[in-house]
């Protein structure tokens, strides 16, 4: 079984991706970058 990163990414709901992006943005803002 070869790992398919693209297919795995497609299985992730857009809502989850958006939430992860928001968390990342908040972390960056808190760090002051």
PDB file of N, CA and C in Angstrom:
ATOM      1  N   UNK A   1       0.849  -1.202   0.000  1.00  0.00           N
ATOM      2  CA  UNK A   1       0.000   0.000   0.000  1.00  0.00           C
ATOM      3  C   UNK A   1       0.880   1.247   0.000  1.00  0.00           C
ATOM      4  N   UNK A   2       0.803   2.004  -1.066  1.00  0.00           N
ATOM      5  CA  UNK A   2       1.569   3.254  -1.129  1.00  0.00           C
ATOM      6  C   UNK A   2       0.728   4.394  -0.575  1.00  0.00           C
ATOM      7  N   UNK A   3       1.299   5.246   0.247  1.00  0.00           N
ATOM      8  CA  UNK A   3       0.549   6.380   0.815  1.00  0.00           C
ATOM      9  C   UNK A   3       0.155   7.367  -0.265  1.00  0.00           C
ATOM     10  N   UNK A   4      -1.108   7.754  -0.247  1.00  0.00           N
ATOM     11  CA  UNK A   4      -1.584   8.742  -1.227  1.00  0.00           C
ATOM     12  C   UNK A   4      -1.953  10.015  -0.484  1.00  0.00           C
ATOM     13  N   UNK A   5      -1.017  10.925  -0.409  1.00  0.00           N
ATOM     14  CA  UNK A   5      -1.256  12.156   0.354  1.00  0.00           C
ATOM     15  C   UNK A   5      -2.368  12.983  -0.275  1.00  0.00           C
ATOM     16  N   UNK A   6      -2.413  13.016  -1.586  1.00  0.00           N
ATOM     17  CA  UNK A   6      -3.442  13.816  -2.267  1.00  0.00           C
ATOM     18  C   UNK A   6      -4.825  13.275  -1.937  1.00  0.00           C
ATOM     19  N   UNK A   7      -5.006  11.962  -2.024  1.00  0.00           N
ATOM     20  CA  UNK A   7      -6.318  11.368  -1.746  1.00  0.00           C
ATOM     21  C   UNK A   7      -6.689  11.586  -0.281  1.00  0.00           C
ATOM     22  N   UNK A   8      -5.714  11.471   0.613  1.00  0.00           N
ATOM     23  CA  UNK A   8      -5.990  11.677   2.035  1.00  0.00           C
ATOM     24  C   UNK A   8      -6.424  13.115   2.283  1.00  0.00           C
ATOM     25  N   UNK A   9      -5.784  14.056   1.593  1.00  0.00           N
ATOM     26  CA  UNK A   9      -6.119  15.471   1.783  1.00  0.00           C
ATOM     27  C   UNK A   9      -7.548  15.720   1.312  1.00  0.00           C
ATOM     28  N   UNK A  10      -7.952  15.041   0.248  1.00  0.00           N
ATOM     29  CA  UNK A  10      -9.304  15.236  -0.287  1.00  0.00           C
ATOM     30  C   UNK A  10     -10.347  14.720   0.693  1.00  0.00           C
ATOM     31  N   UNK A  11      -9.981  13.730   1.494  1.00  0.00           N
ATOM     32  CA  UNK A  11     -10.944  13.166   2.445  1.00  0.00           C
ATOM     33  C   UNK A  11     -11.205  14.126   3.598  1.00  0.00           C
ATOM     34  N   UNK A  12     -10.300  15.102   3.798  1.00  0.00           N
ATOM     35  CA  UNK A  12     -10.476  16.053   4.899  1.00  0.00           C
ATOM     36  C   UNK A  12     -11.526  17.091   4.515  1.00  0.00           C
ATOM     37  N   UNK A  13     -12.551  17.268   5.354  1.00  0.00           N
ATOM     38  CA  UNK A  13     -13.605  18.248   5.074  1.00  0.00           C
ATOM     39  C   UNK A  13     -13.039  19.659   5.027  1.00  0.00           C
ATOM     40  N   UNK A  14     -13.676  20.515   4.209  1.00  0.00           N
ATOM     41  CA  UNK A  14     -13.220  21.904   4.091  1.00  0.00           C
ATOM     42  C   UNK A  14     -13.309  22.611   5.436  1.00  0.00           C
ATOM     43  N   UNK A  15     -14.327  22.260   6.222  1.00  0.00           N
ATOM     44  CA  UNK A  15     -14.506  22.922   7.518  1.00  0.00           C
ATOM     45  C   UNK A  15     -13.302  22.667   8.416  1.00  0.00           C
ATOM     46  N   UNK A  16     -12.798  21.438   8.381  1.00  0.00           N
ATOM     47  CA  UNK A  16     -11.638  21.103   9.215  1.00  0.00           C
ATOM     48  C   UNK A  16     -10.420  21.894   8.757  1.00  0.00           C
ATOM     49  N   UNK A  17     -10.233  21.976   7.441  1.00  0.00           N
ATOM     50  CA  UNK A  17      -9.098  22.722   6.906  1.00  0.00           C
ATOM     51  C   UNK A  17      -9.187  24.179   7.314  1.00  0.00           C
ATOM     52  N   UNK A  18     -10.397  24.755   7.224  1.00  0.00           N
ATOM     53  CA  UNK A  18     -10.584  26.166   7.594  1.00  0.00           C
ATOM     54  C   UNK A  18     -10.248  26.372   9.063  1.00  0.00           C
ATOM     55  N   UNK A  19     -10.700  25.450   9.912  1.00  0.00           N
ATOM     56  CA  UNK A  19     -10.442  25.599  11.351  1.00  0.00           C
ATOM     57  C   UNK A  19      -8.938  25.517  11.623  1.00  0.00           C
ATOM     58  N   UNK A  20      -8.259  24.597  10.940  1.00  0.00           N
ATOM     59  CA  UNK A  20      -6.815  24.464  11.141  1.00  0.00           C
ATOM     60  C   UNK A  20      -6.102  25.726  10.680  1.00  0.00           C
ATOM     61  N   UNK A  21      -6.575  26.299   9.571  1.00  0.00           N
ATOM     62  CA  UNK A  21      -5.951  27.527   9.059  1.00  0.00           C
ATOM     63  C   UNK A  21      -6.145  28.658  10.050  1.00  0.00           C
ATOM     64  N   UNK A  22      -7.347  28.742  10.630  1.00  0.00           N
ATOM     65  CA  UNK A  22      -7.616  29.816  11.593  1.00  0.00           C
ATOM     66  C   UNK A  22      -6.703  29.677  12.803  1.00  0.00           C
ATOM     67  N   UNK A  23      -6.526  28.443  13.279  1.00  0.00           N
ATOM     68  CA  UNK A  23      -5.657  28.205  14.436  1.00  0.00           C
ATOM     69  C   UNK A  23      -4.223  28.606  14.096  1.00  0.00           C
ATOM     70  N   UNK A  24      -3.790  28.263  12.892  1.00  0.00           N
ATOM     71  CA  UNK A  24      -2.428  28.603  12.472  1.00  0.00           C
ATOM     72  C   UNK A  24      -2.261  30.111  12.411  1.00  0.00           C
ATOM     73  N   UNK A  25      -3.256  30.798  11.864  1.00  0.00           N
ATOM     74  CA  UNK A  25      -3.184  32.263  11.760  1.00  0.00           C
ATOM     75  C   UNK A  25      -3.126  32.875  13.150  1.00  0.00           C
ATOM     76  N   UNK A  26      -3.934  32.361  14.063  1.00  0.00           N
ATOM     77  CA  UNK A  26      -3.927  32.898  15.428  1.00  0.00           C
ATOM     78  C   UNK A  26      -2.572  32.679  16.073  1.00  0.00           C
ATOM     79  N   UNK A  27      -1.996  31.521  15.880  1.00  0.00           N
ATOM     80  CA  UNK A  27      -0.691  31.219  16.471  1.00  0.00           C
ATOM     81  C   UNK A  27       0.363  32.176  15.923  1.00  0.00           C
ATOM     82  N   UNK A  28       0.312  32.434  14.625  1.00  0.00           N
ATOM     83  CA  UNK A  28       1.292  33.337  14.008  1.00  0.00           C
ATOM     84  C   UNK A  28       1.106  34.743  14.549  1.00  0.00           C
ATOM     85  N   UNK A  29      -0.150  35.174  14.670  1.00  0.00           N
ATOM     86  CA  UNK A  29      -0.419  36.528  15.166  1.00  0.00           C
ATOM     87  C   UNK A  29       0.073  36.665  16.609  1.00  0.00           C
ATOM     88  N   UNK A  30      -0.127  35.622  17.408  1.00  0.00           N
ATOM     89  CA  UNK A  30       0.308  35.677  18.807  1.00  0.00           C
ATOM     90  C   UNK A  30       1.831  35.744  18.886  1.00  0.00           C
ATOM     91  N   UNK A  31       2.508  35.049  17.974  1.00  0.00           N
ATOM     92  CA  UNK A  31       3.970  35.059  17.981  1.00  0.00           C
ATOM     93  C   UNK A  31       4.502  36.408  17.522  1.00  0.00           C
ATOM     94  N   UNK A  32       3.680  37.169  16.804  1.00  0.00           N
ATOM     95  CA  UNK A  32       4.096  38.498  16.375  1.00  0.00           C
ATOM     96  C   UNK A  32       4.763  38.503  15.009  1.00  0.00           C
ATOM     97  N   UNK A  33       4.601  37.431  14.244  1.00  0.00           N
ATOM     98  CA  UNK A  33       5.204  37.404  12.905  1.00  0.00           C
ATOM     99  C   UNK A  33       4.323  38.150  11.920  1.00  0.00           C
TER     100      UNK A  33
END
